Structure formats: C-alpha cells, structure tokens
Amino acid sequence: MQHTPYDGSSKPFTIGLAQLDPDRWIEPDDALEFYLDEKARLLTSMRESIFVAEAGTELAQGELLNVLTEYLPRQYPALYRREGDAMIVGKRRVALVGDAPLVTAGSLIQDDLAIMERRNGDWRLAAAYVAFPSSWSLAEKFGRAMHEIHAPVPGFGKGTRNAELISRMFDNLSPGRFLERFNWAINVDGALHLPKSKSEGVDAEAISLSEDGTFIRVERQTLRKLPETGAIVFTIRIYSDPIAALRSRPDAAALAQSFVAQLRELTLPEAAYKGLVSKREALIAALLAVAG
C-alpha cells in the first residue's frame, strides 16, 4: 500500500490539491508490466470504450507524448530507454509513431491520461485514454465541462463554490507547477477496469464483507499545464489492495481508526455516491478488527 489517503491527510469530497515535486510526477513500480499488459488487452478488445479524442487535440497529445518520452528515461533510466522511434520499457518495445500520441503515451506508464482544453468558456475533457475507470464511463464524460463531469459528486456541481474554485485554479495554473490529489473507494472486486457505477440509494440494504474480498481502491491524480498548448493533463493511477493487506503495516491500527473516522463522517448522500450505504457498518466492523 503505497498511498493511504484515508489516514486523514486527504478528506473525501474536498478539492484536496497539494503541491507535487515534478520528479514524482509519474511513479512506476514493480507492477508496471502487469498494468501495461492489461492496457494492451483492453485496447485490443474495447478501444472505443477507453480511448476518445476530439479533432484538434493532436497538438496537445503530441506535446504530452514528447514530455513523457523526455521525462521517463531521465527520471527512471533503469526502466526506460529511448531507441530512435521507440521506447524500451523493461522488456517491451513501444513504437512512438503509428498510433494516436495519447494512446502511445498511455502505453508507457501505469497511469491513465486525460487532456482538458478550454473551449467555449469552460475546461472540457477533450481527449482521454482511461483503461482503469473508477466506476464511471468515459463515453458519459467525454466532451463535457468540468462542472458537468462532477455533477453527480455532492458539492461539486455547476454553480457550487468548488466548481468555481476548480475553474479558477485551472485558469491560473502555471506550467511549472504540478499538483496531486487522492480519492479512495471500496469495492468487492479488485479488478483495475471497473466502469460500472458504484452509486446506490440512501436506503440500500446492509451487506456483509470479508477482509480478503473487500478492496481499498486508491486513485492518485496529478495535474499540470502543458507549456506550449496550454492544455491541462491529468494522470490517474489506480492502486487496489484487500483490506487484509492493512494488517501487514506497522501503522495498521492508526490507519484503520482514521479510516473508520472518515466513514462515520460521511453524510448519507456522500455515502450513497461512494456506494457505501450498504457497506459502511460491515466495513467499520472489519476495520475495527484490524485495529485490534
């Protein structure tokens, strides 16, 4: 468990952006090959569901690919090596020409990628390669403004203070400034590709959970503005571990207690959005067992 935002450092349903050291923009790990294999499989079987791009985004896509192909070998020379029109990623060779630049960029890293461009007065999702969505459909979000994308999220719809703050922040973001934020969710499936909505009604019936069959899904997002095109790039990295994995951590008790506190603080609409109305009490019981 590399990131634990439920430790109190990142509150749910807040913007929660923090400054990020540019050297930590992308964080490959030992699961790199597995993630890239999954991306390749999904790209072959459902390309239209995980990659979309508006006409006119080619420049931003190309700029992102150029930025990545310069960054990765410099930052991680043991994992990435440039050879002409290809990048050697571990044992695989990824051609840097021949496909959409955003697809190529996403085929180099574990993160998903989304490009926002300012159009008609709003920042809109103009291109994305999202192989591992967290309970949402790319087709439903594509082309939409940020406040429309966030409309189902309590406190983030059009006209809310959060929506206005996000728009202003995007406008004022400088290319040299990198930002990071986290989300967490609870799933009964540890798969990376989870497009089905987890939201449920406020009257959902309680269910039982097991430590091994209940997964903490952490989403690490970074955002930066590209210097040439001015597009904003989101990276979205998914980490998924069973609750049982908490037991191997020396700070397991503190993490579990903090997680319980966050669960108890969720309002009913917030819990429903996260699909936790049916799971909250069983999850709290499981975490208290971990806490001892």
C-alpha atoms as a PDB file:
ATOM      1  CA  MET A   1       0.000   0.000   0.000  1.00  0.00           C
ATOM      2  CA  GLN A   2       1.968   2.955  -1.304  1.00  0.00           C
ATOM      3  CA  HIS A   3      -0.635   5.649  -0.646  1.00  0.00           C
ATOM      4  CA  THR A   4      -3.114   5.778   2.245  1.00  0.00           C
ATOM      5  CA  PRO A   5      -5.220   8.957   1.885  1.00  0.00           C
ATOM      6  CA  TYR A   6      -7.721   7.573   4.407  1.00  0.00           C
ATOM      7  CA  ASP A   7      -5.122   8.312   7.100  1.00  0.00           C
ATOM      8  CA  GLY A   8      -6.676  11.761   7.420  1.00  0.00           C
ATOM      9  CA  SER A   9      -4.290  13.517   5.045  1.00  0.00           C
ATOM     10  CA  SER A  10      -6.914  13.776   2.286  1.00  0.00           C
ATOM     11  CA  LYS A  11     -10.568  14.365   3.145  1.00  0.00           C
ATOM     12  CA  PRO A  12     -13.318  12.974   0.885  1.00  0.00           C
ATOM     13  CA  PHE A  13     -15.405  15.446  -1.115  1.00  0.00           C
ATOM     14  CA  THR A  14     -12.821  18.205  -1.000  1.00  0.00           C
ATOM     15  CA  ILE A  15     -10.633  19.518  -3.822  1.00  0.00           C
ATOM     16  CA  GLY A  16      -7.636  18.374  -1.779  1.00  0.00           C
ATOM     17  CA  LEU A  17      -4.863  19.523  -4.110  1.00  0.00           C
ATOM     18  CA  ALA A  18      -1.280  19.629  -2.843  1.00  0.00           C
ATOM     19  CA  GLN A  19       1.963  20.753  -4.425  1.00  0.00           C
ATOM     20  CA  LEU A  20       3.871  17.947  -6.133  1.00  0.00           C
ATOM     21  CA  ASP A  21       7.587  17.643  -6.736  1.00  0.00           C
ATOM     22  CA  PRO A  22       7.905  17.325 -10.549  1.00  0.00           C
ATOM     23  CA  ASP A  23      10.356  14.456 -10.043  1.00  0.00           C
ATOM     24  CA  ARG A  24       7.425  12.472  -8.569  1.00  0.00           C
ATOM     25  CA  TRP A  25       5.047  13.157 -11.456  1.00  0.00           C
ATOM     26  CA  ILE A  26       4.988   9.503 -12.578  1.00  0.00           C
ATOM     27  CA  GLU A  27       5.650   6.660 -10.123  1.00  0.00           C
ATOM     28  CA  PRO A  28       6.290   3.314 -11.859  1.00  0.00           C
ATOM     29  CA  ASP A  29       6.645   0.290  -9.603  1.00  0.00           C
ATOM     30  CA  ASP A  30       7.078  -3.487  -9.729  1.00  0.00           C
ATOM     31  CA  ALA A  31       3.601  -3.933 -11.230  1.00  0.00           C
ATOM     32  CA  LEU A  32       4.465  -1.907 -14.358  1.00  0.00           C
ATOM     33  CA  GLU A  33       4.450  -4.916 -16.700  1.00  0.00           C
ATOM     34  CA  PHE A  34       1.104  -6.170 -15.363  1.00  0.00           C
ATOM     35  CA  TYR A  35      -0.560  -2.776 -15.844  1.00  0.00           C
ATOM     36  CA  LEU A  36       0.800  -2.382 -19.371  1.00  0.00           C
ATOM     37  CA  ASP A  37      -0.338  -5.899 -20.268  1.00  0.00           C
ATOM     38  CA  GLU A  38      -3.837  -5.052 -19.020  1.00  0.00           C
ATOM     39  CA  LYS A  39      -3.862  -1.844 -21.027  1.00  0.00           C
ATOM     40  CA  ALA A  40      -2.800  -3.678 -24.176  1.00  0.00           C
ATOM     41  CA  ARG A  41      -5.515  -6.298 -23.661  1.00  0.00           C
ATOM     42  CA  LEU A  42      -8.229  -3.691 -23.137  1.00  0.00           C
ATOM     43  CA  LEU A  43      -7.035  -1.602 -26.064  1.00  0.00           C
ATOM     44  CA  THR A  44      -7.403  -4.637 -28.325  1.00  0.00           C
ATOM     45  CA  SER A  45     -10.809  -5.689 -27.012  1.00  0.00           C
ATOM     46  CA  MET A  46     -12.536  -2.349 -26.339  1.00  0.00           C
ATOM     47  CA  ARG A  47     -10.513   0.512 -27.807  1.00  0.00           C
ATOM     48  CA  GLU A  48     -13.556   2.741 -28.409  1.00  0.00           C
ATOM     49  CA  SER A  49     -14.522   2.477 -24.735  1.00  0.00           C
ATOM     50  CA  ILE A  50     -11.155   3.512 -23.324  1.00  0.00           C
ATOM     51  CA  PHE A  51      -9.780   5.993 -25.867  1.00  0.00           C
ATOM     52  CA  VAL A  52     -11.520   9.072 -27.236  1.00  0.00           C
ATOM     53  CA  ALA A  53     -10.168  12.297 -28.713  1.00  0.00           C
ATOM     54  CA  GLU A  54     -11.710  15.340 -30.319  1.00  0.00           C
ATOM     55  CA  ALA A  55     -10.328  16.633 -33.597  1.00  0.00           C
ATOM     56  CA  GLY A  56      -7.836  19.379 -32.910  1.00  0.00           C
ATOM     57  CA  THR A  57      -6.306  17.733 -29.838  1.00  0.00           C
ATOM     58  CA  GLU A  58      -3.398  16.255 -31.799  1.00  0.00           C
ATOM     59  CA  LEU A  59      -1.023  19.042 -30.784  1.00  0.00           C
ATOM     60  CA  ALA A  60      -1.732  18.584 -27.063  1.00  0.00           C
ATOM     61  CA  GLN A  61      -1.480  14.801 -27.414  1.00  0.00           C
ATOM     62  CA  GLY A  62       1.867  15.139 -29.173  1.00  0.00           C
ATOM     63  CA  GLU A  63       3.177  17.590 -26.610  1.00  0.00           C
ATOM     64  CA  LEU A  64       2.257  15.220 -23.781  1.00  0.00           C
ATOM     65  CA  LEU A  65       3.996  12.316 -25.533  1.00  0.00           C
ATOM     66  CA  ASN A  66       7.121  14.433 -26.055  1.00  0.00           C
ATOM     67  CA  VAL A  67       7.144  15.489 -22.409  1.00  0.00           C
ATOM     68  CA  LEU A  68       6.816  11.879 -21.255  1.00  0.00           C
ATOM     69  CA  THR A  69       9.493  10.493 -23.574  1.00  0.00           C
ATOM     70  CA  GLU A  70      11.923  13.084 -22.223  1.00  0.00           C
ATOM     71  CA  TYR A  71      10.917  12.644 -18.572  1.00  0.00           C
ATOM     72  CA  LEU A  72      10.797   8.855 -18.229  1.00  0.00           C
ATOM     73  CA  PRO A  73      14.351   7.905 -19.366  1.00  0.00           C
ATOM     74  CA  ARG A  74      15.786  10.810 -17.404  1.00  0.00           C
ATOM     75  CA  GLN A  75      13.921  10.005 -14.211  1.00  0.00           C
ATOM     76  CA  TYR A  76      13.900   6.182 -14.465  1.00  0.00           C
ATOM     77  CA  PRO A  77      16.866   5.110 -16.631  1.00  0.00           C
ATOM     78  CA  ALA A  78      16.695   1.545 -15.300  1.00  0.00           C
ATOM     79  CA  LEU A  79      13.169   1.158 -16.693  1.00  0.00           C
ATOM     80  CA  TYR A  80      13.057   3.379 -19.785  1.00  0.00           C
ATOM     81  CA  ARG A  81      15.439   3.768 -22.703  1.00  0.00           C
ATOM     82  CA  ARG A  82      14.862   5.665 -25.936  1.00  0.00           C
ATOM     83  CA  GLU A  83      15.898   3.908 -29.147  1.00  0.00           C
ATOM     84  CA  GLY A  84      15.076   6.017 -32.191  1.00  0.00           C
ATOM     85  CA  ASP A  85      11.327   5.963 -32.764  1.00  0.00           C
ATOM     86  CA  ALA A  86      10.717   3.521 -29.923  1.00  0.00           C
ATOM     87  CA  MET A  87      10.875   3.404 -26.157  1.00  0.00           C
ATOM     88  CA  ILE A  88      12.219   0.328 -24.396  1.00  0.00           C
ATOM     89  CA  VAL A  89      10.067  -0.200 -21.304  1.00  0.00           C
ATOM     90  CA  GLY A  90      11.548  -3.026 -19.289  1.00  0.00           C
ATOM     91  CA  LYS A  91      11.468  -5.931 -21.754  1.00  0.00           C
ATOM     92  CA  ARG A  92       8.940  -4.436 -24.170  1.00  0.00           C
ATOM     93  CA  ARG A  93       9.424  -2.135 -27.121  1.00  0.00           C
ATOM     94  CA  VAL A  94       6.802   0.567 -27.618  1.00  0.00           C
ATOM     95  CA  ALA A  95       6.725   2.288 -31.010  1.00  0.00           C
ATOM     96  CA  LEU A  96       6.431   6.049 -30.606  1.00  0.00           C
ATOM     97  CA  VAL A  97       4.837   6.563 -34.031  1.00  0.00           C
ATOM     98  CA  GLY A  98       1.932   4.889 -35.777  1.00  0.00           C
ATOM     99  CA  ASP A  99      -0.866   5.369 -33.228  1.00  0.00           C
ATOM    100  CA  ALA A 100      -2.567   8.341 -31.625  1.00  0.00           C
ATOM    101  CA  PRO A 101       0.044  10.092 -29.448  1.00  0.00           C
ATOM    102  CA  LEU A 102      -2.182   9.813 -26.372  1.00  0.00           C
ATOM    103  CA  VAL A 103      -2.509   6.046 -26.802  1.00  0.00           C
ATOM    104  CA  THR A 104       1.255   5.758 -27.164  1.00  0.00           C
ATOM    105  CA  ALA A 105       1.801   7.910 -24.078  1.00  0.00           C
ATOM    106  CA  GLY A 106      -0.618   5.797 -22.058  1.00  0.00           C
ATOM    107  CA  SER A 107       1.114   2.632 -23.230  1.00  0.00           C
ATOM    108  CA  LEU A 108       4.330   3.720 -21.495  1.00  0.00           C
ATOM    109  CA  ILE A 109       3.011   4.178 -17.953  1.00  0.00           C
ATOM    110  CA  GLN A 110       0.642   2.641 -15.425  1.00  0.00           C
ATOM    111  CA  ASP A 111      -1.393   5.833 -15.199  1.00  0.00           C
ATOM    112  CA  ASP A 112      -4.415   6.695 -17.298  1.00  0.00           C
ATOM    113  CA  LEU A 113      -4.330  10.061 -19.068  1.00  0.00           C
ATOM    114  CA  ALA A 114      -6.883  12.803 -19.667  1.00  0.00           C
ATOM    115  CA  ILE A 115      -6.446  16.099 -21.529  1.00  0.00           C
ATOM    116  CA  MET A 116      -8.578  19.125 -20.646  1.00  0.00           C
ATOM    117  CA  GLU A 117      -8.773  22.077 -23.048  1.00  0.00           C
ATOM    118  CA  ARG A 118     -10.508  25.413 -22.527  1.00  0.00           C
ATOM    119  CA  ARG A 119     -13.343  25.691 -25.046  1.00  0.00           C
ATOM    120  CA  ASN A 120     -16.450  27.884 -25.116  1.00  0.00           C
ATOM    121  CA  GLY A 121     -15.579  29.353 -21.742  1.00  0.00           C
ATOM    122  CA  ASP A 122     -15.138  26.018 -19.921  1.00  0.00           C
ATOM    123  CA  TRP A 123     -12.423  23.460 -19.351  1.00  0.00           C
ATOM    124  CA  ARG A 124     -13.613  20.337 -21.180  1.00  0.00           C
ATOM    125  CA  LEU A 125     -12.463  16.738 -21.419  1.00  0.00           C
ATOM    126  CA  ALA A 126     -11.094  16.819 -24.970  1.00  0.00           C
ATOM    127  CA  ALA A 127      -9.112  13.559 -25.107  1.00  0.00           C
ATOM    128  CA  ALA A 128      -8.570  10.615 -22.794  1.00  0.00           C
ATOM    129  CA  TYR A 129      -7.061   7.164 -22.579  1.00  0.00           C
ATOM    130  CA  VAL A 130      -8.686   5.654 -19.496  1.00  0.00           C
ATOM    131  CA  ALA A 131      -8.255   1.901 -19.234  1.00  0.00           C
ATOM    132  CA  PHE A 132      -8.967   1.729 -15.499  1.00  0.00           C
ATOM    133  CA  PRO A 133     -12.008   3.901 -14.727  1.00  0.00           C
ATOM    134  CA  SER A 134     -13.233   4.002 -11.141  1.00  0.00           C
ATOM    135  CA  SER A 135     -16.968   3.418 -11.543  1.00  0.00           C
ATOM    136  CA  TRP A 136     -17.556   5.794 -14.438  1.00  0.00           C
ATOM    137  CA  SER A 137     -17.899   5.662 -18.200  1.00  0.00           C
ATOM    138  CA  LEU A 138     -15.575   7.616 -20.468  1.00  0.00           C
ATOM    139  CA  ALA A 139     -18.365   7.938 -23.039  1.00  0.00           C
ATOM    140  CA  GLU A 140     -20.521   9.775 -20.479  1.00  0.00           C
ATOM    141  CA  LYS A 141     -17.774  12.265 -19.559  1.00  0.00           C
ATOM    142  CA  PHE A 142     -16.159  12.921 -22.956  1.00  0.00           C
ATOM    143  CA  GLY A 143     -16.546  16.475 -24.234  1.00  0.00           C
ATOM    144  CA  ARG A 144     -18.153  17.678 -21.041  1.00  0.00           C
ATOM    145  CA  ALA A 145     -17.146  20.645 -18.915  1.00  0.00           C
ATOM    146  CA  MET A 146     -15.538  20.023 -15.549  1.00  0.00           C
ATOM    147  CA  HIS A 147     -18.672  21.033 -13.635  1.00  0.00           C
ATOM    148  CA  GLU A 148     -20.702  18.597 -15.765  1.00  0.00           C
ATOM    149  CA  ILE A 149     -18.233  15.781 -15.127  1.00  0.00           C
ATOM    150  CA  HIS A 150     -18.501  16.435 -11.395  1.00  0.00           C
ATOM    151  CA  ALA A 151     -22.285  16.965 -11.388  1.00  0.00           C
ATOM    152  CA  PRO A 152     -23.039  13.661  -9.554  1.00  0.00           C
ATOM    153  CA  VAL A 153     -20.474  14.458  -6.835  1.00  0.00           C
ATOM    154  CA  PRO A 154     -22.087  16.113  -3.795  1.00  0.00           C
ATOM    155  CA  GLY A 155     -20.915  19.727  -3.565  1.00  0.00           C
ATOM    156  CA  PHE A 156     -19.192  19.898  -6.975  1.00  0.00           C
ATOM    157  CA  GLY A 157     -21.973  20.625  -9.472  1.00  0.00           C
ATOM    158  CA  LYS A 158     -22.463  23.773 -11.558  1.00  0.00           C
ATOM    159  CA  GLY A 159     -22.618  26.955  -9.509  1.00  0.00           C
ATOM    160  CA  THR A 160     -21.025  25.467  -6.402  1.00  0.00           C
ATOM    161  CA  ARG A 161     -18.044  27.082  -4.763  1.00  0.00           C
ATOM    162  CA  ASN A 162     -15.915  24.001  -5.525  1.00  0.00           C
ATOM    163  CA  ALA A 163     -16.750  24.162  -9.243  1.00  0.00           C
ATOM    164  CA  GLU A 164     -15.823  27.844  -9.381  1.00  0.00           C
ATOM    165  CA  LEU A 165     -12.570  27.248  -7.492  1.00  0.00           C
ATOM    166  CA  ILE A 166     -11.546  24.449  -9.866  1.00  0.00           C
ATOM    167  CA  SER A 167     -12.183  26.597 -12.952  1.00  0.00           C
ATOM    168  CA  ARG A 168     -10.210  29.497 -11.495  1.00  0.00           C
ATOM    169  CA  MET A 169      -7.364  27.207 -10.467  1.00  0.00           C
ATOM    170  CA  PHE A 170      -7.151  25.710 -13.973  1.00  0.00           C
ATOM    171  CA  ASP A 171      -7.031  29.178 -15.489  1.00  0.00           C
ATOM    172  CA  ASN A 172      -4.230  30.302 -13.176  1.00  0.00           C
ATOM    173  CA  LEU A 173      -2.151  27.112 -13.143  1.00  0.00           C
ATOM    174  CA  SER A 174       1.388  27.766 -14.364  1.00  0.00           C
ATOM    175  CA  PRO A 175       3.223  25.158 -16.485  1.00  0.00           C
ATOM    176  CA  GLY A 176       5.934  24.711 -13.883  1.00  0.00           C
ATOM    177  CA  ARG A 177       3.529  23.882 -11.079  1.00  0.00           C
ATOM    178  CA  PHE A 178       2.494  20.256 -10.527  1.00  0.00           C
ATOM    179  CA  LEU A 179      -0.419  19.252  -8.271  1.00  0.00           C
ATOM    180  CA  GLU A 180      -1.552  15.988  -6.702  1.00  0.00           C
ATOM    181  CA  ARG A 181      -4.749  14.709  -5.090  1.00  0.00           C
ATOM    182  CA  PHE A 182      -6.203  11.398  -3.938  1.00  0.00           C
ATOM    183  CA  ASN A 183      -9.539   9.591  -3.893  1.00  0.00           C
ATOM    184  CA  TRP A 184     -10.428   6.323  -2.216  1.00  0.00           C
ATOM    185  CA  ALA A 185     -13.256   3.858  -2.750  1.00  0.00           C
ATOM    186  CA  ILE A 186     -14.333   0.455  -1.501  1.00  0.00           C
ATOM    187  CA  ASN A 187     -15.069  -2.380  -3.935  1.00  0.00           C
ATOM    188  CA  VAL A 188     -15.848  -6.072  -3.742  1.00  0.00           C
ATOM    189  CA  ASP A 189     -13.792  -6.558  -6.899  1.00  0.00           C
ATOM    190  CA  GLY A 190     -10.070  -5.793  -7.110  1.00  0.00           C
ATOM    191  CA  ALA A 191     -10.019  -5.504 -10.916  1.00  0.00           C
ATOM    192  CA  LEU A 192      -8.388  -2.424 -12.409  1.00  0.00           C
ATOM    193  CA  HIS A 193     -11.076  -1.916 -15.095  1.00  0.00           C
ATOM    194  CA  LEU A 194     -14.260  -1.015 -13.186  1.00  0.00           C
ATOM    195  CA  PRO A 195     -16.560   1.097 -15.394  1.00  0.00           C
ATOM    196  CA  LYS A 196     -19.811   0.205 -13.629  1.00  0.00           C
ATOM    197  CA  SER A 197     -21.189   2.893 -11.295  1.00  0.00           C
ATOM    198  CA  LYS A 198     -20.963   2.045  -7.603  1.00  0.00           C
ATOM    199  CA  SER A 199     -23.525   4.649  -6.506  1.00  0.00           C
ATOM    200  CA  GLU A 200     -26.558   3.322  -4.666  1.00  0.00           C
ATOM    201  CA  GLY A 201     -29.707   4.605  -2.981  1.00  0.00           C
ATOM    202  CA  VAL A 202     -29.731   6.077   0.503  1.00  0.00           C
ATOM    203  CA  ASP A 203     -31.950   3.157   1.566  1.00  0.00           C
ATOM    204  CA  ALA A 204     -29.652   0.382   0.286  1.00  0.00           C
ATOM    205  CA  GLU A 205     -29.713  -2.719   2.474  1.00  0.00           C
ATOM    206  CA  ALA A 206     -26.651  -3.666   4.505  1.00  0.00           C
ATOM    207  CA  ILE A 207     -24.407  -6.427   3.216  1.00  0.00           C
ATOM    208  CA  SER A 208     -21.629  -8.468   4.777  1.00  0.00           C
ATOM    209  CA  LEU A 209     -17.955  -8.132   3.841  1.00  0.00           C
ATOM    210  CA  SER A 210     -14.751 -10.103   4.271  1.00  0.00           C
ATOM    211  CA  GLU A 211     -11.245  -8.684   4.658  1.00  0.00           C
ATOM    212  CA  ASP A 212      -9.883 -10.672   1.712  1.00  0.00           C
ATOM    213  CA  GLY A 213     -12.868  -9.958  -0.543  1.00  0.00           C
ATOM    214  CA  THR A 214     -13.125  -6.229   0.071  1.00  0.00           C
ATOM    215  CA  PHE A 215     -10.714  -3.927  -1.744  1.00  0.00           C
ATOM    216  CA  ILE A 216      -9.480  -0.436  -0.950  1.00  0.00           C
ATOM    217  CA  ARG A 217      -9.104   1.335  -4.281  1.00  0.00           C
ATOM    218  CA  VAL A 218      -6.881   4.419  -4.142  1.00  0.00           C
ATOM    219  CA  GLU A 219      -6.778   6.841  -7.053  1.00  0.00           C
ATOM    220  CA  ARG A 220      -3.750   9.138  -7.319  1.00  0.00           C
ATOM    221  CA  GLN A 221      -4.334  12.070  -9.631  1.00  0.00           C
ATOM    222  CA  THR A 222      -1.760  14.590 -10.797  1.00  0.00           C
ATOM    223  CA  LEU A 223      -2.345  17.634 -12.949  1.00  0.00           C
ATOM    224  CA  ARG A 224      -0.108  20.000 -14.828  1.00  0.00           C
ATOM    225  CA  LYS A 225      -0.471  22.525 -17.645  1.00  0.00           C
ATOM    226  CA  LEU A 226       1.485  21.860 -20.828  1.00  0.00           C
ATOM    227  CA  PRO A 227       3.694  24.870 -21.664  1.00  0.00           C
ATOM    228  CA  GLU A 228       3.132  25.011 -25.437  1.00  0.00           C
ATOM    229  CA  THR A 229      -0.557  24.198 -25.945  1.00  0.00           C
ATOM    230  CA  GLY A 230      -1.814  25.271 -22.513  1.00  0.00           C
ATOM    231  CA  ALA A 231      -3.815  22.048 -22.172  1.00  0.00           C
ATOM    232  CA  ILE A 232      -4.138  20.533 -18.719  1.00  0.00           C
ATOM    233  CA  VAL A 233      -3.087  16.920 -18.299  1.00  0.00           C
ATOM    234  CA  PHE A 234      -4.485  14.624 -15.636  1.00  0.00           C
ATOM    235  CA  THR A 235      -2.687  11.408 -14.774  1.00  0.00           C
ATOM    236  CA  ILE A 236      -4.781   8.854 -12.900  1.00  0.00           C
ATOM    237  CA  ARG A 237      -3.038   5.937 -11.210  1.00  0.00           C
ATOM    238  CA  ILE A 238      -5.019   3.137  -9.548  1.00  0.00           C
ATOM    239  CA  TYR A 239      -3.876   1.093  -6.553  1.00  0.00           C
ATOM    240  CA  SER A 240      -6.103  -1.756  -5.338  1.00  0.00           C
ATOM    241  CA  ASP A 241      -5.457  -3.840  -2.217  1.00  0.00           C
ATOM    242  CA  PRO A 242      -7.655  -6.014   0.011  1.00  0.00           C
ATOM    243  CA  ILE A 243      -8.407  -4.675   3.475  1.00  0.00           C
ATOM    244  CA  ALA A 244      -6.459  -7.663   4.813  1.00  0.00           C
ATOM    245  CA  ALA A 245      -3.268  -6.036   3.456  1.00  0.00           C
ATOM    246  CA  LEU A 246      -3.562  -3.385   6.165  1.00  0.00           C
ATOM    247  CA  ARG A 247      -2.581  -5.993   8.745  1.00  0.00           C
ATOM    248  CA  SER A 248       0.961  -6.174   7.368  1.00  0.00           C
ATOM    249  CA  ARG A 249       1.609  -2.489   8.090  1.00  0.00           C
ATOM    250  CA  PRO A 250       3.182  -1.341  11.365  1.00  0.00           C
ATOM    251  CA  ASP A 251       0.681   1.546  11.462  1.00  0.00           C
ATOM    252  CA  ALA A 252      -2.323  -0.711  10.774  1.00  0.00           C
ATOM    253  CA  ALA A 253      -4.226   0.272  13.930  1.00  0.00           C
ATOM    254  CA  ALA A 254      -3.864   4.009  13.339  1.00  0.00           C
ATOM    255  CA  LEU A 255      -4.808   3.691   9.662  1.00  0.00           C
ATOM    256  CA  ALA A 256      -7.864   1.598  10.465  1.00  0.00           C
ATOM    257  CA  GLN A 257      -9.040   4.023  13.145  1.00  0.00           C
ATOM    258  CA  SER A 258      -8.597   7.006  10.829  1.00  0.00           C
ATOM    259  CA  PHE A 259     -10.467   5.200   8.069  1.00  0.00           C
ATOM    260  CA  VAL A 260     -13.333   4.474  10.463  1.00  0.00           C
ATOM    261  CA  ALA A 261     -13.489   8.154  11.409  1.00  0.00           C
ATOM    262  CA  GLN A 262     -13.772   9.170   7.734  1.00  0.00           C
ATOM    263  CA  LEU A 263     -16.504   6.608   7.130  1.00  0.00           C
ATOM    264  CA  ARG A 264     -18.522   7.854  10.081  1.00  0.00           C
ATOM    265  CA  GLU A 265     -18.208  11.480   8.927  1.00  0.00           C
ATOM    266  CA  LEU A 266     -19.747  10.825   5.502  1.00  0.00           C
ATOM    267  CA  THR A 267     -23.225  12.246   5.052  1.00  0.00           C
ATOM    268  CA  LEU A 268     -25.882   9.899   3.693  1.00  0.00           C
ATOM    269  CA  PRO A 269     -25.731  11.397   0.153  1.00  0.00           C
ATOM    270  CA  GLU A 270     -21.918  11.129   0.224  1.00  0.00           C
ATOM    271  CA  ALA A 271     -22.065   7.518   1.368  1.00  0.00           C
ATOM    272  CA  ALA A 272     -24.635   6.752  -1.340  1.00  0.00           C
ATOM    273  CA  TYR A 273     -22.428   8.300  -4.038  1.00  0.00           C
ATOM    274  CA  LYS A 274     -19.499   6.156  -2.884  1.00  0.00           C
ATOM    275  CA  GLY A 275     -21.686   3.039  -2.751  1.00  0.00           C
ATOM    276  CA  LEU A 276     -21.116   2.749   0.986  1.00  0.00           C
ATOM    277  CA  VAL A 277     -24.636   2.863   2.406  1.00  0.00           C
ATOM    278  CA  SER A 278     -24.837  -0.925   2.150  1.00  0.00           C
ATOM    279  CA  LYS A 279     -21.226  -1.460   3.198  1.00  0.00           C
ATOM    280  CA  ARG A 280     -20.472   1.166   5.834  1.00  0.00           C
ATOM    281  CA  GLU A 281     -21.285  -0.775   9.016  1.00  0.00           C
ATOM    282  CA  ALA A 282     -19.645  -4.009   7.843  1.00  0.00           C
ATOM    283  CA  LEU A 283     -16.598  -2.041   6.693  1.00  0.00           C
ATOM    284  CA  ILE A 284     -16.310  -0.250  10.023  1.00  0.00           C
ATOM    285  CA  ALA A 285     -16.508  -3.614  11.817  1.00  0.00           C
ATOM    286  CA  ALA A 286     -13.776  -5.064   9.579  1.00  0.00           C
ATOM    287  CA  LEU A 287     -11.503  -2.044  10.140  1.00  0.00           C
ATOM    288  CA  LEU A 288     -12.030  -2.140  13.918  1.00  0.00           C
ATOM    289  CA  ALA A 289     -10.983  -5.806  13.820  1.00  0.00           C
ATOM    290  CA  VAL A 290      -7.789  -4.759  12.038  1.00  0.00           C
ATOM    291  CA  ALA A 291      -7.255  -2.042  14.657  1.00  0.00           C
ATOM    292  CA  GLY A 292      -7.469  -4.672  17.347  1.00  0.00           C
END
